[in-house]
């Protein structure tokens, strides 16, 4: 089945615990935002919307080939804004937080394959744990108005996502603190 898959980068966070916006932090020669957009594009997502909260991130999103969308005050608000901005022709989106650097484009391709098989939702699984990014078909987007106490994670649990085994430890990465940032030097 032919499925048109968009990408969404969640990059509107302020990065308070990291000392500033994560989207603009350089990693391996490029801002995290550029890595996220490139991962989704190389994985076959088009278009790629980027939820941003400040002008510098908006400029970085454009430079990286993403389509900036005003983010909200919470991750869920940012997700809703990015999904609402996508063209009606897309069947769903692969959603990648900007603070999960190093996810391989092959992981995105694997999620797109689950979408093509008819999955309403799909998550990559590494070492028995769910990770990022996630696939979410268009039809449950309306449920994001009241997804549950843990936001997108609650909605995914209700949808019983297809678990996609991947050989990509970066799907479990979450850079929230300076210690997380320093640990990236040792990350594969």
C-alpha atoms as a PDB file:
ATOM      1  CA  UNK A   1       0.000   0.000   0.000  1.00  0.00           C
ATOM      2  CA  UNK A   2       1.312   3.464  -0.915  1.00  0.00           C
ATOM      3  CA  UNK A   3       1.502   5.685   2.176  1.00  0.00           C
ATOM      4  CA  UNK A   4       2.637   9.307   2.180  1.00  0.00           C
ATOM      5  CA  UNK A   5       4.640   9.837   5.347  1.00  0.00           C
ATOM      6  CA  UNK A   6       5.603  13.239   6.714  1.00  0.00           C
ATOM      7  CA  UNK A   7       8.184  13.887   9.389  1.00  0.00           C
ATOM      8  CA  UNK A   8       7.820  15.975  12.527  1.00  0.00           C
ATOM      9  CA  UNK A   9      10.740  17.211  14.625  1.00  0.00           C
ATOM     10  CA  UNK A  10       9.805  18.368  18.110  1.00  0.00           C
ATOM     11  CA  UNK A  11      12.287  21.185  18.763  1.00  0.00           C
ATOM     12  CA  UNK A  12      10.361  23.842  20.693  1.00  0.00           C
ATOM     13  CA  UNK A  13      11.738  23.007  24.143  1.00  0.00           C
ATOM     14  CA  UNK A  14      13.739  25.573  26.065  1.00  0.00           C
ATOM     15  CA  UNK A  15      16.356  23.064  27.252  1.00  0.00           C
ATOM     16  CA  UNK A  16      16.399  24.509  30.775  1.00  0.00           C
ATOM     17  CA  UNK A  17      18.203  21.501  32.283  1.00  0.00           C
ATOM     18  CA  UNK A  18      20.771  21.620  29.478  1.00  0.00           C
ATOM     19  CA  UNK A  19      21.375  25.364  29.712  1.00  0.00           C
ATOM     20  CA  UNK A  20      19.641  26.441  26.494  1.00  0.00           C
ATOM     21  CA  UNK A  21      17.701  25.291  23.439  1.00  0.00           C
ATOM     22  CA  UNK A  22      18.697  21.771  22.405  1.00  0.00           C
ATOM     23  CA  UNK A  23      17.842  22.315  18.748  1.00  0.00           C
ATOM     24  CA  UNK A  24      20.816  24.607  18.197  1.00  0.00           C
ATOM     25  CA  UNK A  25      23.437  22.587  20.087  1.00  0.00           C
ATOM     26  CA  UNK A  26      26.155  21.370  17.743  1.00  0.00           C
ATOM     27  CA  UNK A  27      26.867  17.661  17.559  1.00  0.00           C
ATOM     28  CA  UNK A  28      29.320  16.083  15.144  1.00  0.00           C
ATOM     29  CA  UNK A  29      29.576  19.300  13.145  1.00  0.00           C
ATOM     30  CA  UNK A  30      25.898  20.270  12.868  1.00  0.00           C
ATOM     31  CA  UNK A  31      23.055  21.448  15.142  1.00  0.00           C
ATOM     32  CA  UNK A  32      20.882  18.680  16.586  1.00  0.00           C
ATOM     33  CA  UNK A  33      18.015  20.121  14.548  1.00  0.00           C
ATOM     34  CA  UNK A  34      19.900  19.554  11.286  1.00  0.00           C
ATOM     35  CA  UNK A  35      20.591  15.938  12.305  1.00  0.00           C
ATOM     36  CA  UNK A  36      16.910  15.327  13.059  1.00  0.00           C
ATOM     37  CA  UNK A  37      15.646  16.837   9.792  1.00  0.00           C
ATOM     38  CA  UNK A  38      18.274  14.945   7.780  1.00  0.00           C
ATOM     39  CA  UNK A  39      17.382  11.659   9.491  1.00  0.00           C
ATOM     40  CA  UNK A  40      13.699  12.025   8.612  1.00  0.00           C
ATOM     41  CA  UNK A  41      14.413  13.137   5.044  1.00  0.00           C
ATOM     42  CA  UNK A  42      16.939  10.343   4.425  1.00  0.00           C
ATOM     43  CA  UNK A  43      14.378   7.941   5.868  1.00  0.00           C
ATOM     44  CA  UNK A  44      11.882   9.035   3.192  1.00  0.00           C
ATOM     45  CA  UNK A  45       9.672  11.540   5.044  1.00  0.00           C
ATOM     46  CA  UNK A  46       8.329  14.465   3.031  1.00  0.00           C
ATOM     47  CA  UNK A  47       7.543  17.120   4.079  1.00  0.00           C
ATOM     48  CA  UNK A  48       9.317  17.570   7.407  1.00  0.00           C
ATOM     49  CA  UNK A  49       7.668  20.014   9.823  1.00  0.00           C
ATOM     50  CA  UNK A  50       9.686  21.359  12.750  1.00  0.00           C
ATOM     51  CA  UNK A  51       7.990  22.659  15.901  1.00  0.00           C
ATOM     52  CA  UNK A  52      10.118  25.633  16.987  1.00  0.00           C
ATOM     53  CA  UNK A  53       9.789  28.264  19.701  1.00  0.00           C
ATOM     54  CA  UNK A  54      12.375  30.903  18.798  1.00  0.00           C
ATOM     55  CA  UNK A  55      13.738  32.698  15.733  1.00  0.00           C
ATOM     56  CA  UNK A  56      17.165  31.066  15.770  1.00  0.00           C
ATOM     57  CA  UNK A  57      15.583  27.614  15.666  1.00  0.00           C
ATOM     58  CA  UNK A  58      13.228  28.752  12.910  1.00  0.00           C
ATOM     59  CA  UNK A  59      16.189  29.890  10.806  1.00  0.00           C
ATOM     60  CA  UNK A  60      18.023  26.644  11.566  1.00  0.00           C
ATOM     61  CA  UNK A  61      14.968  24.604  10.544  1.00  0.00           C
ATOM     62  CA  UNK A  62      14.803  26.394   7.193  1.00  0.00           C
ATOM     63  CA  UNK A  63      18.551  25.959   6.657  1.00  0.00           C
ATOM     64  CA  UNK A  64      18.217  22.238   7.395  1.00  0.00           C
ATOM     65  CA  UNK A  65      15.407  21.819   4.884  1.00  0.00           C
ATOM     66  CA  UNK A  66      12.594  21.642   7.410  1.00  0.00           C
ATOM     67  CA  UNK A  67       9.349  23.563   7.508  1.00  0.00           C
ATOM     68  CA  UNK A  68       9.164  25.607  10.747  1.00  0.00           C
ATOM     69  CA  UNK A  69       5.905  25.663  12.667  1.00  0.00           C
ATOM     70  CA  UNK A  70       5.266  27.668  15.832  1.00  0.00           C
ATOM     71  CA  UNK A  71       5.601  25.313  18.771  1.00  0.00           C
ATOM     72  CA  UNK A  72       3.496  25.395  21.891  1.00  0.00           C
ATOM     73  CA  UNK A  73       4.256  25.702  25.566  1.00  0.00           C
ATOM     74  CA  UNK A  74       4.330  21.916  26.027  1.00  0.00           C
ATOM     75  CA  UNK A  75       5.618  19.040  23.924  1.00  0.00           C
ATOM     76  CA  UNK A  76       2.031  17.970  23.262  1.00  0.00           C
ATOM     77  CA  UNK A  77       1.047  21.496  22.133  1.00  0.00           C
ATOM     78  CA  UNK A  78       4.064  21.530  19.803  1.00  0.00           C
ATOM     79  CA  UNK A  79       3.126  18.151  18.383  1.00  0.00           C
ATOM     80  CA  UNK A  80      -0.454  19.260  17.771  1.00  0.00           C
ATOM     81  CA  UNK A  81       0.742  22.437  16.018  1.00  0.00           C
ATOM     82  CA  UNK A  82       3.160  20.552  13.756  1.00  0.00           C
ATOM     83  CA  UNK A  83       0.601  17.887  12.823  1.00  0.00           C
ATOM     84  CA  UNK A  84      -2.050  20.529  12.101  1.00  0.00           C
ATOM     85  CA  UNK A  85       0.340  22.304   9.743  1.00  0.00           C
ATOM     86  CA  UNK A  86       0.959  19.229   7.596  1.00  0.00           C
ATOM     87  CA  UNK A  87      -0.765  18.911   4.215  1.00  0.00           C
ATOM     88  CA  UNK A  88      -3.995  16.911   4.238  1.00  0.00           C
ATOM     89  CA  UNK A  89      -2.499  14.523   1.665  1.00  0.00           C
ATOM     90  CA  UNK A  90      -0.139  12.923   4.192  1.00  0.00           C
ATOM     91  CA  UNK A  91      -1.328   9.692   5.760  1.00  0.00           C
ATOM     92  CA  UNK A  92       0.639  10.123   8.973  1.00  0.00           C
ATOM     93  CA  UNK A  93       3.943  11.219  10.440  1.00  0.00           C
ATOM     94  CA  UNK A  94       7.137   9.880  11.929  1.00  0.00           C
ATOM     95  CA  UNK A  95       7.696  11.987  15.052  1.00  0.00           C
ATOM     96  CA  UNK A  96      11.269  12.553  16.255  1.00  0.00           C
ATOM     97  CA  UNK A  97      12.269  14.652  19.266  1.00  0.00           C
ATOM     98  CA  UNK A  98      15.314  16.811  18.566  1.00  0.00           C
ATOM     99  CA  UNK A  99      17.020  15.450  21.692  1.00  0.00           C
ATOM    100  CA  UNK A 100      17.401  11.914  20.301  1.00  0.00           C
ATOM    101  CA  UNK A 101      20.511  12.432  18.147  1.00  0.00           C
ATOM    102  CA  UNK A 102      22.035   9.694  16.066  1.00  0.00           C
ATOM    103  CA  UNK A 103      18.863   7.790  15.177  1.00  0.00           C
ATOM    104  CA  UNK A 104      19.561   6.059  11.880  1.00  0.00           C
ATOM    105  CA  UNK A 105      17.537   6.761   8.738  1.00  0.00           C
ATOM    106  CA  UNK A 106      17.077   2.967   8.471  1.00  0.00           C
ATOM    107  CA  UNK A 107      14.963   3.138  11.625  1.00  0.00           C
ATOM    108  CA  UNK A 108      12.691   5.677   9.934  1.00  0.00           C
ATOM    109  CA  UNK A 109      12.476   3.397   6.871  1.00  0.00           C
ATOM    110  CA  UNK A 110      11.447   0.500   9.144  1.00  0.00           C
ATOM    111  CA  UNK A 111       8.673   2.626  10.694  1.00  0.00           C
ATOM    112  CA  UNK A 112       7.493   3.654   7.223  1.00  0.00           C
ATOM    113  CA  UNK A 113       7.310  -0.053   6.306  1.00  0.00           C
ATOM    114  CA  UNK A 114       5.022  -0.635   9.304  1.00  0.00           C
ATOM    115  CA  UNK A 115       2.895   2.287   8.093  1.00  0.00           C
ATOM    116  CA  UNK A 116       2.681   0.722   4.629  1.00  0.00           C
ATOM    117  CA  UNK A 117       1.441  -2.482   6.268  1.00  0.00           C
ATOM    118  CA  UNK A 118      -1.457  -0.538   7.804  1.00  0.00           C
ATOM    119  CA  UNK A 119      -0.179   0.158  11.341  1.00  0.00           C
ATOM    120  CA  UNK A 120      -2.003   3.004  13.111  1.00  0.00           C
ATOM    121  CA  UNK A 121       1.059   3.457  15.301  1.00  0.00           C
ATOM    122  CA  UNK A 122       4.526   1.945  15.434  1.00  0.00           C
ATOM    123  CA  UNK A 123       7.496   2.247  17.775  1.00  0.00           C
ATOM    124  CA  UNK A 124      11.086   1.132  17.348  1.00  0.00           C
ATOM    125  CA  UNK A 125      12.224  -1.422  19.907  1.00  0.00           C
ATOM    126  CA  UNK A 126      15.837  -1.852  20.960  1.00  0.00           C
ATOM    127  CA  UNK A 127      16.938  -4.117  23.815  1.00  0.00           C
ATOM    128  CA  UNK A 128      13.280  -4.763  24.658  1.00  0.00           C
ATOM    129  CA  UNK A 129      12.448  -1.066  25.154  1.00  0.00           C
ATOM    130  CA  UNK A 130      10.341   1.373  23.151  1.00  0.00           C
ATOM    131  CA  UNK A 131      12.215   4.302  21.666  1.00  0.00           C
ATOM    132  CA  UNK A 132      11.993   7.239  19.264  1.00  0.00           C
ATOM    133  CA  UNK A 133      10.927   8.167  16.647  1.00  0.00           C
ATOM    134  CA  UNK A 134       7.347   6.902  16.461  1.00  0.00           C
ATOM    135  CA  UNK A 135       4.902   6.495  13.565  1.00  0.00           C
ATOM    136  CA  UNK A 136       1.379   7.841  14.034  1.00  0.00           C
ATOM    137  CA  UNK A 137      -1.254   7.545  11.304  1.00  0.00           C
ATOM    138  CA  UNK A 138      -3.460  10.573  10.640  1.00  0.00           C
ATOM    139  CA  UNK A 139      -6.718   9.053  11.923  1.00  0.00           C
ATOM    140  CA  UNK A 140      -5.823   9.120  15.665  1.00  0.00           C
ATOM    141  CA  UNK A 141      -4.434  12.691  15.583  1.00  0.00           C
ATOM    142  CA  UNK A 142      -7.733  13.992  16.934  1.00  0.00           C
ATOM    143  CA  UNK A 143      -7.207  11.912  20.078  1.00  0.00           C
ATOM    144  CA  UNK A 144      -4.270  14.163  20.930  1.00  0.00           C
ATOM    145  CA  UNK A 145      -6.785  16.677  22.309  1.00  0.00           C
ATOM    146  CA  UNK A 146      -6.972  14.502  25.423  1.00  0.00           C
ATOM    147  CA  UNK A 147      -4.470  11.688  24.997  1.00  0.00           C
ATOM    148  CA  UNK A 148      -4.147  10.726  28.649  1.00  0.00           C
ATOM    149  CA  UNK A 149      -1.885  11.487  31.606  1.00  0.00           C
ATOM    150  CA  UNK A 150       1.400  10.786  29.761  1.00  0.00           C
ATOM    151  CA  UNK A 151       0.529  12.536  26.495  1.00  0.00           C
ATOM    152  CA  UNK A 152       1.633  10.783  23.321  1.00  0.00           C
ATOM    153  CA  UNK A 153       2.856   7.779  25.290  1.00  0.00           C
ATOM    154  CA  UNK A 154      -0.673   7.255  26.679  1.00  0.00           C
ATOM    155  CA  UNK A 155      -2.174   7.497  23.198  1.00  0.00           C
ATOM    156  CA  UNK A 156       0.364   5.035  21.811  1.00  0.00           C
ATOM    157  CA  UNK A 157      -0.406   2.556  24.580  1.00  0.00           C
ATOM    158  CA  UNK A 158      -4.140   2.756  23.743  1.00  0.00           C
ATOM    159  CA  UNK A 159      -3.418   2.221  20.041  1.00  0.00           C
ATOM    160  CA  UNK A 160      -1.275  -0.850  20.782  1.00  0.00           C
ATOM    161  CA  UNK A 161       1.520   0.120  18.385  1.00  0.00           C
ATOM    162  CA  UNK A 162       3.341  -2.303  16.149  1.00  0.00           C
ATOM    163  CA  UNK A 163       6.724  -2.931  17.727  1.00  0.00           C
ATOM    164  CA  UNK A 164       9.486  -2.651  15.123  1.00  0.00           C
ATOM    165  CA  UNK A 165      12.751  -4.327  16.206  1.00  0.00           C
ATOM    166  CA  UNK A 166      15.753  -2.188  15.230  1.00  0.00           C
ATOM    167  CA  UNK A 167      19.501  -2.431  15.659  1.00  0.00           C
ATOM    168  CA  UNK A 168      19.790   1.225  16.635  1.00  0.00           C
ATOM    169  CA  UNK A 169      20.710   2.044  20.252  1.00  0.00           C
ATOM    170  CA  UNK A 170      20.151   5.756  19.559  1.00  0.00           C
ATOM    171  CA  UNK A 171      16.373   5.198  19.653  1.00  0.00           C
ATOM    172  CA  UNK A 172      16.705   5.052  23.444  1.00  0.00           C
ATOM    173  CA  UNK A 173      18.744   8.262  23.660  1.00  0.00           C
ATOM    174  CA  UNK A 174      17.272  11.305  25.393  1.00  0.00           C
ATOM    175  CA  UNK A 175      19.535  14.317  25.942  1.00  0.00           C
ATOM    176  CA  UNK A 176      17.980  16.298  28.779  1.00  0.00           C
ATOM    177  CA  UNK A 177      20.886  17.210  31.054  1.00  0.00           C
ATOM    178  CA  UNK A 178      24.505  18.263  30.711  1.00  0.00           C
ATOM    179  CA  UNK A 179      25.543  14.756  31.827  1.00  0.00           C
ATOM    180  CA  UNK A 180      23.456  13.314  28.968  1.00  0.00           C
ATOM    181  CA  UNK A 181      25.188  15.744  26.617  1.00  0.00           C
ATOM    182  CA  UNK A 182      28.653  14.694  27.779  1.00  0.00           C
ATOM    183  CA  UNK A 183      27.704  11.034  27.345  1.00  0.00           C
ATOM    184  CA  UNK A 184      27.110  11.682  23.625  1.00  0.00           C
ATOM    185  CA  UNK A 185      30.881  11.698  23.067  1.00  0.00           C
ATOM    186  CA  UNK A 186      30.884   7.991  23.886  1.00  0.00           C
ATOM    187  CA  UNK A 187      27.710   7.205  21.933  1.00  0.00           C
ATOM    188  CA  UNK A 188      27.899   5.109  18.783  1.00  0.00           C
END
